Amino acid sequence: MKVEELQKTAIDAAIKAGKEILKVYHSNDFDINIKSDNSPLTRADKIAHEIISEILTITGLPVLSEEGKNIPYETRKNWNQFWLVDPLDGTKEFINRNGEFTVNIALIKENEPAFGVIYVPVTKDLYFGGENMGSYKIINIDETVPFTDISTLVQMSFQLPFFIDETCFTVVASKSHLNQETIDYIDNLKSTHNNIEFVSKGSSLKLCMVAEGTANIYPRFGPTMEWDIAAGHAIAFFSGCSVTGQDEKTPLSYNKKELLNPGFIVKR
C-alpha cells in the first residue's frame, strides 16, 4: 500500500472511531472499569479499539494499541513499520465530560513517527502530519463528506503553525498529571521569559497546541506510554517543533522493549 493510502486509511479510522466514541459520550452508559494501573477504561475505549484495528487490518501492517498492548517484544522487535494507536486518549477527560479527549493513530517507521493523525470528536478538529508533507489542521471537519485522497484534505486545511504570539511565552502542561518536577521547570522558565502564561490541557491536545503555535513548550516529566504521544510527536515534529528527552537533545524512540516514555519536552 502506498504512503498516501496508509495516511488516508489512518485518518478514516480516526474519524470513524471518533463518531462511535461520541455516541457513548452522549449516553449514560460508560461501563467504567479500572485497569491494573488504576486508570479507567470505558466502553468507548473498547469500541474505538475494535473499529480502528479492523480498518487498519487492510494495510497489512501490525497494530500496537493501548487496548492490545500485550504483544511480546520478541514478536514486535522486528517490525519495520507498524501502527501505534491510542483509541481514546484522555479517558479521564471523557468521563468528566470536558471534551478534551482524542483519537491518536501514528505510523511508526524504523522506530520513529512517520505520520500521525489526531481527531478531536467533540470539536471535530482534525490534525495530521508526516514526512515530506508537513502538518495540518482542519477545524470542524464535515465527517459526512468522504474524501478521496490526502491532497484534498490538505487543500481544506491550515498548515501548522498558523499562530505564533511573539509577545507571550505559553507553557502547556497536563491537566491531570502536573508533578513537582514539572512545576519547578515551569518556575525556572519564568526567570528567562518576562511574559509567561500557563495553560492546562488534557490528552494529546497539548502537543497539538505546540504544533499549531498556540503554545511554545510542553514539558512532561511524569510517566506516559508510547501510544500517548506518538501521533502528536509526528504532528509537532513535522510542523517544525523539537521533540526530545529532558536534555533537549536526545530524540524519542518507539517500539522499545519497555513501552514507557522517558520525560520529554516538545518545543517550538
Foldseek 3Di string as FASTA:
>chain_A
DDPFVLQLLQQLLFQVLLVQLVVCLPDPAQCWDADPVRDIDTPSQVSSVVSSQVSNVVVVAAEDEPVRPPDALVVCVPHQKHKYWYSKFFVVCSVVVPQQIWTKIFIDGRFATAKIWIARSVQRKIWIAGPPPFIWIATNDDSVDDDDTVVVVVVRTDGWQPDADPQEAEEEEEPVDCDPVNVVVVVVVCVVDVHYYYHYGGFLVRLVCCGNHVHFKYWFADKDFQNRCRNSCRNNVSSPKQKAAPVSPHHWGQSDSDRITHTIMIGD
